[in-house]
C-alpha atoms as a PDB file:
ATOM      1  CA  MET A   1      95.123 139.215 109.402  1.00  0.00           C
ATOM      2  CA  ASN A   2      92.192 137.979 111.456  1.00  0.00           C
ATOM      3  CA  GLN A   3      88.805 138.033 109.754  1.00  0.00           C
ATOM      4  CA  SER A   4      85.843 138.459 112.109  1.00  0.00           C
ATOM      5  CA  SER A   5      82.385 136.945 111.618  1.00  0.00           C
ATOM      6  CA  HIS A   6      80.758 140.042 113.073  1.00  0.00           C
ATOM      7  CA  GLY A   7      80.659 141.679 109.658  1.00  0.00           C
ATOM      8  CA  ARG A   8      78.999 140.422 106.509  1.00  0.00           C
ATOM      9  CA  THR A   9      76.816 137.333 106.412  1.00  0.00           C
ATOM     10  CA  TYR A  10      77.080 135.491 103.083  1.00  0.00           C
ATOM     11  CA  ASP A  11      74.232 133.745 101.348  1.00  0.00           C
ATOM     12  CA  CYS A  12      76.499 130.757 100.801  1.00  0.00           C
ATOM     13  CA  ILE A  13      79.952 129.734 101.923  1.00  0.00           C
ATOM     14  CA  VAL A  14      81.495 127.130  99.629  1.00  0.00           C
ATOM     15  CA  VAL A  15      84.175 124.933 101.215  1.00  0.00           C
ATOM     16  CA  GLY A  16      86.304 123.509  98.413  1.00  0.00           C
ATOM     17  CA  GLY A  17      87.789 125.033  95.287  1.00  0.00           C
ATOM     18  CA  GLY A  18      87.609 122.095  92.885  1.00  0.00           C
ATOM     19  CA  PRO A  19      85.203 121.594  89.969  1.00  0.00           C
ATOM     20  CA  ALA A  20      82.180 121.073  92.239  1.00  0.00           C
ATOM     21  CA  GLY A  21      82.827 124.070  94.464  1.00  0.00           C
ATOM     22  CA  LEU A  22      83.634 126.441  91.617  1.00  0.00           C
ATOM     23  CA  THR A  23      80.678 125.328  89.510  1.00  0.00           C
ATOM     24  CA  ALA A  24      78.386 125.982  92.458  1.00  0.00           C
ATOM     25  CA  ALA A  25      80.005 129.394  92.976  1.00  0.00           C
ATOM     26  CA  ILE A  26      79.382 130.358  89.350  1.00  0.00           C
ATOM     27  CA  TYR A  27      75.718 129.403  89.559  1.00  0.00           C
ATOM     28  CA  LEU A  28      75.189 131.009  92.960  1.00  0.00           C
ATOM     29  CA  ALA A  29      76.802 134.269  91.889  1.00  0.00           C
ATOM     30  CA  ARG A  30      74.674 134.328  88.745  1.00  0.00           C
ATOM     31  CA  TYR A  31      71.619 133.908  90.981  1.00  0.00           C
ATOM     32  CA  HIS A  32      72.657 137.235  92.546  1.00  0.00           C
ATOM     33  CA  LEU A  33      73.640 135.565  95.808  1.00  0.00           C
ATOM     34  CA  SER A  34      76.709 136.546  97.834  1.00  0.00           C
ATOM     35  CA  VAL A  35      79.263 133.742  97.673  1.00  0.00           C
ATOM     36  CA  LEU A  36      82.521 133.141  99.526  1.00  0.00           C
ATOM     37  CA  VAL A  37      84.666 130.210  98.367  1.00  0.00           C
ATOM     38  CA  PHE A  38      87.443 128.698 100.469  1.00  0.00           C
ATOM     39  CA  ASP A  39      90.044 126.854  98.422  1.00  0.00           C
ATOM     40  CA  ASP A  40      92.809 125.082 100.344  1.00  0.00           C
ATOM     41  CA  GLN A  41      94.427 124.197  96.987  1.00  0.00           C
ATOM     42  CA  THR A  42      94.270 120.433  97.476  1.00  0.00           C
ATOM     43  CA  SER A  43      91.737 119.574  94.776  1.00  0.00           C
ATOM     44  CA  ARG A  44      92.553 116.285  93.047  1.00  0.00           C
ATOM     45  CA  ALA A  45      91.633 117.936  89.762  1.00  0.00           C
ATOM     46  CA  ALA A  46      94.729 120.128  89.965  1.00  0.00           C
ATOM     47  CA  SER A  47      96.970 117.083  89.524  1.00  0.00           C
ATOM     48  CA  ILE A  48      95.381 115.986  86.227  1.00  0.00           C
ATOM     49  CA  PRO A  49      98.042 116.485  83.533  1.00  0.00           C
ATOM     50  CA  LEU A  50      95.532 116.389  80.662  1.00  0.00           C
ATOM     51  CA  SER A  51      91.875 115.356  80.729  1.00  0.00           C
ATOM     52  CA  HIS A  52      90.432 114.078  77.466  1.00  0.00           C
ATOM     53  CA  ASN A  53      86.970 113.054  78.620  1.00  0.00           C
ATOM     54  CA  LEU A  54      85.584 116.435  79.666  1.00  0.00           C
ATOM     55  CA  ALA A  55      83.118 117.578  77.023  1.00  0.00           C
ATOM     56  CA  GLY A  56      84.007 120.786  75.204  1.00  0.00           C
ATOM     57  CA  PHE A  57      87.781 120.265  75.229  1.00  0.00           C
ATOM     58  CA  PRO A  58      88.502 118.098  72.170  1.00  0.00           C
ATOM     59  CA  ASN A  59      92.264 118.528  72.582  1.00  0.00           C
ATOM     60  CA  GLY A  60      92.144 117.945  76.323  1.00  0.00           C
ATOM     61  CA  VAL A  61      92.608 120.328  79.231  1.00  0.00           C
ATOM     62  CA  SER A  62      94.896 120.191  82.252  1.00  0.00           C
ATOM     63  CA  GLY A  63      93.373 120.269  85.684  1.00  0.00           C
ATOM     64  CA  GLU A  64      95.198 123.471  86.570  1.00  0.00           C
ATOM     65  CA  ALA A  65      94.007 125.216  83.408  1.00  0.00           C
ATOM     66  CA  LEU A  66      90.424 124.109  83.995  1.00  0.00           C
ATOM     67  CA  LEU A  67      90.397 125.342  87.585  1.00  0.00           C
ATOM     68  CA  ALA A  68      91.971 128.659  86.566  1.00  0.00           C
ATOM     69  CA  ARG A  69      89.245 129.187  83.969  1.00  0.00           C
ATOM     70  CA  MET A  70      86.575 128.368  86.539  1.00  0.00           C
ATOM     71  CA  ARG A  71      88.026 130.725  89.146  1.00  0.00           C
ATOM     72  CA  THR A  72      88.095 133.525  86.578  1.00  0.00           C
ATOM     73  CA  GLN A  73      84.500 132.816  85.629  1.00  0.00           C
ATOM     74  CA  ALA A  74      83.324 132.737  89.254  1.00  0.00           C
ATOM     75  CA  ALA A  75      85.095 136.013  90.017  1.00  0.00           C
ATOM     76  CA  ARG A  76      83.558 137.651  86.945  1.00  0.00           C
ATOM     77  CA  TYR A  77      80.121 137.284  88.509  1.00  0.00           C
ATOM     78  CA  GLY A  78      81.179 138.394  91.970  1.00  0.00           C
ATOM     79  CA  ALA A  79      82.194 135.255  93.836  1.00  0.00           C
ATOM     80  CA  ASP A  80      84.998 135.831  96.338  1.00  0.00           C
ATOM     81  CA  VAL A  81      87.618 133.038  96.248  1.00  0.00           C
ATOM     82  CA  ARG A  82      90.118 132.820  99.099  1.00  0.00           C
ATOM     83  CA  HIS A  83      93.019 130.410  99.604  1.00  0.00           C
ATOM     84  CA  CYS A  84      92.362 129.187 103.093  1.00  0.00           C
ATOM     85  CA  GLU A  85      91.475 125.956 104.906  1.00  0.00           C
ATOM     86  CA  ILE A  86      88.266 125.737 106.913  1.00  0.00           C
ATOM     87  CA  THR A  87      88.894 123.617 109.993  1.00  0.00           C
ATOM     88  CA  GLN A  88      85.464 123.685 111.638  1.00  0.00           C
ATOM     89  CA  LEU A  89      81.810 124.427 110.988  1.00  0.00           C
ATOM     90  CA  SER A  90      79.507 125.519 113.796  1.00  0.00           C
ATOM     91  CA  LYS A  91      75.770 126.194 113.955  1.00  0.00           C
ATOM     92  CA  ARG A  92      74.808 129.694 115.090  1.00  0.00           C
ATOM     93  CA  GLY A  93      71.022 129.678 115.144  1.00  0.00           C
ATOM     94  CA  ARG A  94      69.931 129.516 111.504  1.00  0.00           C
ATOM     95  CA  LEU A  95      73.406 130.472 110.339  1.00  0.00           C
ATOM     96  CA  ILE A  96      76.522 128.339 109.952  1.00  0.00           C
ATOM     97  CA  GLU A  97      79.918 129.658 110.938  1.00  0.00           C
ATOM     98  CA  ALA A  98      83.006 128.604 108.991  1.00  0.00           C
ATOM     99  CA  ILE A  99      86.146 128.730 111.104  1.00  0.00           C
ATOM    100  CA  SER A 100      89.781 128.803 109.985  1.00  0.00           C
ATOM    101  CA  PRO A 101      93.094 129.492 111.733  1.00  0.00           C
ATOM    102  CA  ILE A 102      92.907 133.120 110.551  1.00  0.00           C
ATOM    103  CA  GLY A 103      89.265 133.943 111.197  1.00  0.00           C
ATOM    104  CA  HIS A 104      85.622 132.977 110.934  1.00  0.00           C
ATOM    105  CA  TRP A 105      82.755 133.795 108.608  1.00  0.00           C
ATOM    106  CA  ARG A 106      78.974 133.384 108.715  1.00  0.00           C
ATOM    107  CA  GLY A 107      76.786 131.933 106.013  1.00  0.00           C
ATOM    108  CA  ARG A 108      73.079 131.398 105.616  1.00  0.00           C
ATOM    109  CA  THR A 109      74.057 128.193 103.893  1.00  0.00           C
ATOM    110  CA  VAL A 110      77.238 126.181 103.418  1.00  0.00           C
ATOM    111  CA  LEU A 111      78.111 123.904 100.516  1.00  0.00           C
ATOM    112  CA  LEU A 112      80.730 121.247 101.191  1.00  0.00           C
ATOM    113  CA  ALA A 113      82.795 120.301  98.141  1.00  0.00           C
ATOM    114  CA  THR A 114      85.855 118.969  99.934  1.00  0.00           C
ATOM    115  CA  GLY A 115      86.315 115.837  97.834  1.00  0.00           C
ATOM    116  CA  VAL A 116      88.561 112.904  98.703  1.00  0.00           C
ATOM    117  CA  ILE A 117      92.284 112.206  99.035  1.00  0.00           C
ATOM    118  CA  ASN A 118      93.910 109.388  97.082  1.00  0.00           C
ATOM    119  CA  ARG A 119      95.928 106.850  99.046  1.00  0.00           C
ATOM    120  CA  ARG A 120      99.373 106.890  97.464  1.00  0.00           C
ATOM    121  CA  PRO A 121     101.883 104.091  97.020  1.00  0.00           C
ATOM    122  CA  HIS A 122     105.034 104.438  99.093  1.00  0.00           C
ATOM    123  CA  MET A 123     107.358 106.646  97.048  1.00  0.00           C
ATOM    124  CA  PRO A 124     108.964 110.085  97.417  1.00  0.00           C
ATOM    125  CA  SER A 125     106.541 112.966  96.798  1.00  0.00           C
ATOM    126  CA  SER A 126     108.712 114.474  94.068  1.00  0.00           C
ATOM    127  CA  LEU A 127     108.868 111.144  92.241  1.00  0.00           C
ATOM    128  CA  HIS A 128     105.123 110.660  92.682  1.00  0.00           C
ATOM    129  CA  ASP A 129     104.285 114.070  91.255  1.00  0.00           C
ATOM    130  CA  ASP A 130     106.659 113.597  88.328  1.00  0.00           C
ATOM    131  CA  ALA A 131     105.112 110.210  87.524  1.00  0.00           C
ATOM    132  CA  VAL A 132     101.585 111.643  87.672  1.00  0.00           C
ATOM    133  CA  GLY A 133     102.557 114.583  85.462  1.00  0.00           C
ATOM    134  CA  ARG A 134     103.991 112.214  82.841  1.00  0.00           C
ATOM    135  CA  GLY A 135     101.014 109.869  82.871  1.00  0.00           C
ATOM    136  CA  LEU A 136     103.087 107.039  84.309  1.00  0.00           C
ATOM    137  CA  LEU A 137     101.032 106.958  87.494  1.00  0.00           C
ATOM    138  CA  ARG A 138      97.261 107.237  87.132  1.00  0.00           C
ATOM    139  CA  TYR A 139      94.412 107.118  89.622  1.00  0.00           C
ATOM    140  CA  CYS A 140      91.271 107.013  87.498  1.00  0.00           C
ATOM    141  CA  PRO A 141      90.744 104.284  84.875  1.00  0.00           C
ATOM    142  CA  VAL A 142      87.294 105.733  84.133  1.00  0.00           C
ATOM    143  CA  CYS A 143      88.983 109.028  83.234  1.00  0.00           C
ATOM    144  CA  ASP A 144      91.952 107.804  81.259  1.00  0.00           C
ATOM    145  CA  GLY A 145      91.697 104.081  80.544  1.00  0.00           C
ATOM    146  CA  TYR A 146      91.587 105.022  76.861  1.00  0.00           C
ATOM    147  CA  GLU A 147      95.103 106.446  77.150  1.00  0.00           C
ATOM    148  CA  VAL A 148      96.549 103.043  78.133  1.00  0.00           C
ATOM    149  CA  THR A 149      94.996 101.164  75.225  1.00  0.00           C
ATOM    150  CA  ASP A 150      97.202  98.159  74.295  1.00  0.00           C
ATOM    151  CA  LYS A 151      99.927  99.231  76.747  1.00  0.00           C
ATOM    152  CA  ALA A 152     101.516  97.364  79.648  1.00  0.00           C
ATOM    153  CA  VAL A 153      99.599  98.376  82.771  1.00  0.00           C
ATOM    154  CA  GLY A 154     100.217  97.578  86.407  1.00  0.00           C
ATOM    155  CA  VAL A 155      97.699  97.659  89.239  1.00  0.00           C
ATOM    156  CA  ILE A 156      99.105  97.981  92.762  1.00  0.00           C
ATOM    157  CA  GLY A 157      96.873  96.728  95.535  1.00  0.00           C
ATOM    158  CA  VAL A 158      95.331  93.756  97.259  1.00  0.00           C
ATOM    159  CA  GLY A 159      91.952  92.098  97.552  1.00  0.00           C
ATOM    160  CA  THR A 160      88.732  92.745  95.682  1.00  0.00           C
ATOM    161  CA  ARG A 161      89.526  96.390  94.917  1.00  0.00           C
ATOM    162  CA  SER A 162      92.643  95.517  92.939  1.00  0.00           C
ATOM    163  CA  ALA A 163      90.866  92.675  91.116  1.00  0.00           C
ATOM    164  CA  GLN A 164      87.966  94.893  90.069  1.00  0.00           C
ATOM    165  CA  GLU A 165      90.266  97.638  88.822  1.00  0.00           C
ATOM    166  CA  ALA A 166      92.314  95.133  86.831  1.00  0.00           C
ATOM    167  CA  ILE A 167      89.180  93.665  85.241  1.00  0.00           C
ATOM    168  CA  PHE A 168      88.013  97.160  84.288  1.00  0.00           C
ATOM    169  CA  LEU A 169      91.376  97.954  82.678  1.00  0.00           C
ATOM    170  CA  ARG A 170      91.389  94.626  80.837  1.00  0.00           C
ATOM    171  CA  SER A 171      88.829  96.069  78.407  1.00  0.00           C
ATOM    172  CA  PHE A 172      91.493  98.557  77.264  1.00  0.00           C
ATOM    173  CA  THR A 173      94.542  96.313  77.110  1.00  0.00           C
ATOM    174  CA  ARG A 174      95.521  92.651  77.276  1.00  0.00           C
ATOM    175  CA  HIS A 175      98.662  93.497  79.223  1.00  0.00           C
ATOM    176  CA  VAL A 176      97.447  93.920  82.802  1.00  0.00           C
ATOM    177  CA  THR A 177      99.374  92.800  85.880  1.00  0.00           C
ATOM    178  CA  VAL A 178      98.255  93.029  89.501  1.00  0.00           C
ATOM    179  CA  VAL A 179     101.181  93.592  91.853  1.00  0.00           C
ATOM    180  CA  SER A 180     100.458  92.995  95.525  1.00  0.00           C
ATOM    181  CA  CYS A 181     101.546  95.773  97.867  1.00  0.00           C
ATOM    182  CA  GLU A 182     101.727  93.122 100.601  1.00  0.00           C
ATOM    183  CA  ASN A 183     103.061  89.584 100.799  1.00  0.00           C
ATOM    184  CA  GLN A 184      99.780  88.115  99.535  1.00  0.00           C
ATOM    185  CA  HIS A 185      97.073  89.163  97.095  1.00  0.00           C
ATOM    186  CA  HIS A 186      94.246  88.353  99.531  1.00  0.00           C
ATOM    187  CA  LEU A 187      92.088  86.931  96.739  1.00  0.00           C
ATOM    188  CA  ASN A 188      90.038  83.748  96.904  1.00  0.00           C
ATOM    189  CA  GLN A 189      90.436  80.982  94.359  1.00  0.00           C
ATOM    190  CA  THR A 190      87.355  82.080  92.406  1.00  0.00           C
ATOM    191  CA  GLN A 191      88.787  85.574  91.978  1.00  0.00           C
ATOM    192  CA  ILE A 192      92.198  84.240  91.014  1.00  0.00           C
ATOM    193  CA  SER A 193      90.660  81.930  88.407  1.00  0.00           C
ATOM    194  CA  GLN A 194      88.582  84.766  86.960  1.00  0.00           C
ATOM    195  CA  LEU A 195      91.659  86.973  86.559  1.00  0.00           C
ATOM    196  CA  GLN A 196      93.694  84.175  85.024  1.00  0.00           C
ATOM    197  CA  GLU A 197      90.937  83.272  82.567  1.00  0.00           C
ATOM    198  CA  ILE A 198      91.033  86.759  81.031  1.00  0.00           C
ATOM    199  CA  GLY A 199      94.823  86.908  80.961  1.00  0.00           C
ATOM    200  CA  ILE A 200      95.526  89.141  83.953  1.00  0.00           C
ATOM    201  CA  LYS A 201      98.837  88.299  85.615  1.00  0.00           C
ATOM    202  CA  LEU A 202      99.390  88.185  89.361  1.00  0.00           C
ATOM    203  CA  GLU A 203     102.773  89.180  90.785  1.00  0.00           C
ATOM    204  CA  PRO A 204     103.550  88.569  94.470  1.00  0.00           C
ATOM    205  CA  GLY A 205     104.716  91.448  96.596  1.00  0.00           C
ATOM    206  CA  PRO A 206     105.412  93.411  98.519  1.00  0.00           C
ATOM    207  CA  VAL A 207     106.417  96.422  96.432  1.00  0.00           C
ATOM    208  CA  THR A 208     109.866  97.432  97.658  1.00  0.00           C
ATOM    209  CA  SER A 209     110.404 100.521  95.511  1.00  0.00           C
ATOM    210  CA  ILE A 210     109.113 102.416  92.496  1.00  0.00           C
ATOM    211  CA  GLU A 211     111.260 104.320  90.013  1.00  0.00           C
ATOM    212  CA  ILE A 212     111.130 105.972  86.613  1.00  0.00           C
ATOM    213  CA  ALA A 213     113.271 104.499  83.847  1.00  0.00           C
ATOM    214  CA  ASP A 214     113.030 106.168  80.452  1.00  0.00           C
ATOM    215  CA  ASP A 215     109.318 106.323  79.671  1.00  0.00           C
ATOM    216  CA  PHE A 216     108.331 103.531  82.048  1.00  0.00           C
ATOM    217  CA  LEU A 217     107.423 103.220  85.700  1.00  0.00           C
ATOM    218  CA  VAL A 218     109.393 100.389  87.256  1.00  0.00           C
ATOM    219  CA  VAL A 219     107.846  98.526  90.185  1.00  0.00           C
ATOM    220  CA  ASN A 220     110.310  96.462  92.181  1.00  0.00           C
ATOM    221  CA  THR A 221     109.413  93.467  94.352  1.00  0.00           C
ATOM    222  CA  PRO A 222     111.678  90.907  96.074  1.00  0.00           C
ATOM    223  CA  GLY A 223     111.402  88.665  93.035  1.00  0.00           C
ATOM    224  CA  ALA A 224     110.885  90.896  90.024  1.00  0.00           C
ATOM    225  CA  ARG A 225     111.564  94.197  88.300  1.00  0.00           C
ATOM    226  CA  LEU A 226     108.395  95.114  86.417  1.00  0.00           C
ATOM    227  CA  ARG A 227     108.175  97.811  83.733  1.00  0.00           C
ATOM    228  CA  PHE A 228     104.846  99.445  82.949  1.00  0.00           C
ATOM    229  CA  ALA A 229     103.685 102.228  80.648  1.00  0.00           C
ATOM    230  CA  SER A 230     101.273 103.227  83.419  1.00  0.00           C
ATOM    231  CA  VAL A 231     100.497 102.069  86.935  1.00  0.00           C
ATOM    232  CA  TYR A 232      97.184 102.420  88.775  1.00  0.00           C
ATOM    233  CA  PRO A 233      97.282 102.331  92.591  1.00  0.00           C
ATOM    234  CA  ALA A 234      94.120 100.508  93.697  1.00  0.00           C
ATOM    235  CA  LEU A 235      94.570 101.598  97.295  1.00  0.00           C
ATOM    236  CA  GLY A 236      91.323 103.483  97.814  1.00  0.00           C
ATOM    237  CA  SER A 237      90.800 107.022  99.031  1.00  0.00           C
ATOM    238  CA  ASP A 238      89.826 108.916 102.168  1.00  0.00           C
ATOM    239  CA  VAL A 239      86.645 110.986 102.061  1.00  0.00           C
ATOM    240  CA  ARG A 240      87.076 114.490 103.433  1.00  0.00           C
ATOM    241  CA  SER A 241      83.805 114.525 105.364  1.00  0.00           C
ATOM    242  CA  ASP A 242      85.097 115.420 108.841  1.00  0.00           C
ATOM    243  CA  LEU A 243      83.561 118.908 108.756  1.00  0.00           C
ATOM    244  CA  ALA A 244      80.131 117.438 108.044  1.00  0.00           C
ATOM    245  CA  LEU A 245      80.517 114.716 110.665  1.00  0.00           C
ATOM    246  CA  ARG A 246      81.487 117.140 113.424  1.00  0.00           C
ATOM    247  CA  LEU A 247      78.499 119.307 112.549  1.00  0.00           C
ATOM    248  CA  GLY A 248      76.238 116.291 112.991  1.00  0.00           C
ATOM    249  CA  ALA A 249      75.517 115.429 109.349  1.00  0.00           C
ATOM    250  CA  GLY A 250      74.767 111.857 108.363  1.00  0.00           C
ATOM    251  CA  LEU A 251      77.407 109.811 106.574  1.00  0.00           C
ATOM    252  CA  SER A 252      77.246 106.625 104.522  1.00  0.00           C
ATOM    253  CA  PRO A 253      79.127 103.510 105.711  1.00  0.00           C
ATOM    254  CA  GLU A 254      81.956 104.560 103.354  1.00  0.00           C
ATOM    255  CA  GLY A 255      82.170 107.980 104.991  1.00  0.00           C
ATOM    256  CA  CYS A 256      80.465 109.949 102.206  1.00  0.00           C
ATOM    257  CA  VAL A 257      78.090 112.764 103.162  1.00  0.00           C
ATOM    258  CA  THR A 258      74.465 111.646 102.901  1.00  0.00           C
ATOM    259  CA  VAL A 259      72.313 113.938 100.745  1.00  0.00           C
ATOM    260  CA  ASP A 260      68.819 114.003  99.267  1.00  0.00           C
ATOM    261  CA  ALA A 261      67.953 114.469  95.594  1.00  0.00           C
ATOM    262  CA  HIS A 262      68.753 118.195  95.886  1.00  0.00           C
ATOM    263  CA  GLN A 263      72.131 117.738  97.645  1.00  0.00           C
ATOM    264  CA  ARG A 264      70.753 118.716 101.071  1.00  0.00           C
ATOM    265  CA  THR A 265      72.460 117.004 104.001  1.00  0.00           C
ATOM    266  CA  THR A 266      70.711 115.997 107.224  1.00  0.00           C
ATOM    267  CA  VAL A 267      71.736 119.334 108.783  1.00  0.00           C
ATOM    268  CA  GLY A 268      69.626 122.347 107.862  1.00  0.00           C
ATOM    269  CA  GLY A 269      71.492 124.832 105.678  1.00  0.00           C
ATOM    270  CA  LEU A 270      74.301 122.380 104.848  1.00  0.00           C
ATOM    271  CA  TYR A 271      74.636 120.985 101.328  1.00  0.00           C
ATOM    272  CA  ALA A 272      77.264 118.764  99.712  1.00  0.00           C
ATOM    273  CA  ALA A 273      78.391 117.986  96.161  1.00  0.00           C
ATOM    274  CA  GLY A 274      81.220 116.293  94.320  1.00  0.00           C
ATOM    275  CA  ASP A 275      83.407 113.407  95.440  1.00  0.00           C
ATOM    276  CA  VAL A 276      82.550 113.957  99.132  1.00  0.00           C
ATOM    277  CA  VAL A 277      79.114 112.579  98.173  1.00  0.00           C
ATOM    278  CA  HIS A 278      78.623 108.992  97.024  1.00  0.00           C
ATOM    279  CA  GLY A 279      78.647 108.681  93.233  1.00  0.00           C
ATOM    280  CA  LEU A 280      80.868 108.459  90.190  1.00  0.00           C
ATOM    281  CA  ASP A 281      84.063 110.411  90.907  1.00  0.00           C
ATOM    282  CA  GLN A 282      84.107 112.377  87.667  1.00  0.00           C
ATOM    283  CA  ILE A 283      84.413 116.099  87.000  1.00  0.00           C
ATOM    284  CA  SER A 284      81.238 116.142  84.922  1.00  0.00           C
ATOM    285  CA  HIS A 285      79.299 114.365  87.679  1.00  0.00           C
ATOM    286  CA  ALA A 286      80.625 116.762  90.309  1.00  0.00           C
ATOM    287  CA  MET A 287      79.578 119.726  88.175  1.00  0.00           C
ATOM    288  CA  GLY A 288      76.087 118.303  87.803  1.00  0.00           C
ATOM    289  CA  GLN A 289      75.697 117.804  91.529  1.00  0.00           C
ATOM    290  CA  ALA A 290      76.987 121.327  92.155  1.00  0.00           C
ATOM    291  CA  THR A 291      74.407 122.752  89.761  1.00  0.00           C
ATOM    292  CA  VAL A 292      71.622 120.937  91.592  1.00  0.00           C
ATOM    293  CA  ALA A 293      72.954 122.080  94.964  1.00  0.00           C
ATOM    294  CA  ALA A 294      73.296 125.730  93.916  1.00  0.00           C
ATOM    295  CA  THR A 295      69.755 125.808  92.562  1.00  0.00           C
ATOM    296  CA  ALA A 296      68.401 124.182  95.723  1.00  0.00           C
ATOM    297  CA  ILE A 297      70.258 126.745  97.837  1.00  0.00           C
ATOM    298  CA  ARG A 298      68.782 129.589  95.796  1.00  0.00           C
ATOM    299  CA  ASN A 299      65.254 128.206  96.067  1.00  0.00           C
ATOM    300  CA  ASP A 300      65.543 127.356  99.765  1.00  0.00           C
ATOM    301  CA  LEU A 301      66.795 130.830 100.623  1.00  0.00           C
ATOM    302  CA  CYS A 302      63.932 132.416  98.726  1.00  0.00           C
ATOM    303  CA  GLU A 303      61.417 130.229 100.543  1.00  0.00           C
ATOM    304  CA  GLN A 304      62.915 131.303 103.869  1.00  0.00           C
ATOM    305  CA  SER A 305      62.517 134.949 102.810  1.00  0.00           C
ATOM    306  CA  LEU A 306      66.189 135.505 103.668  1.00  0.00           C
ATOM    307  CA  ARG A 307      66.963 136.635 100.146  1.00  0.00           C
ATOM    308  CA  VAL A 308      64.253 137.815  97.782  1.00  0.00           C
ATOM    309  CA  ARG A 309      64.822 139.691  94.522  1.00  0.00           C
END
């Protein structure tokens, strides 16, 4: 059913239904502002099998369970959450229009919380998802390096990124191997010597296939069959900042949305929080940014006399 923008104008439209977007929605709704959240159900948080570093959950919490709790909390205070992808933002005077394939909506402000997308190793999607769910494939050593303590860990990648990730993981385990996803590691001799000095192994690539065997992830190359308790792809990620870019917002060289200390972008009425903004890609950090953004939105709207209570 088509949804027209000629009806209600929302105080804030939140694009993104992950921890940043839902935290902002909770705060905005509790500020007595009208909030519409668009969740395209691609949040990276949803794929977390069990997070142990989020304060308040001593036994851990899955990403799906956390997001469900947050959606319930946002709805309790009046936030409207819809499962829909926003494909374009457009300025309409002092308003911003959010456009999707099924309709368009107007907001006095818009908060972008679209996050990033991990670059995956080449493997079937079903195998990938199974490996992630079992903790055999991991994307965040800051989040779960503790879980691989003293275990055999593989890092797939090339260049400085793979070296840095391996060095970070070395503080959790002595059994770290960097497996090139190409024919070469693309490391200089200084980097190679540094890795070798701390006991990190280097295996030539390319990776030809990945499989699950018992409780291990097996990485195959032309010359080896490597078994790991967990593997970290050090392949980078793609920032989902296209909506901001097409609206004219400034981006960092890495493609992150540029914001000030209150999460305001360079476009009036547009704010951003979470992994789409430069910073530590952690749920707690995203929540903090979302809190700052929601409060700035509330205060800015009051100053504009568009919403006074």
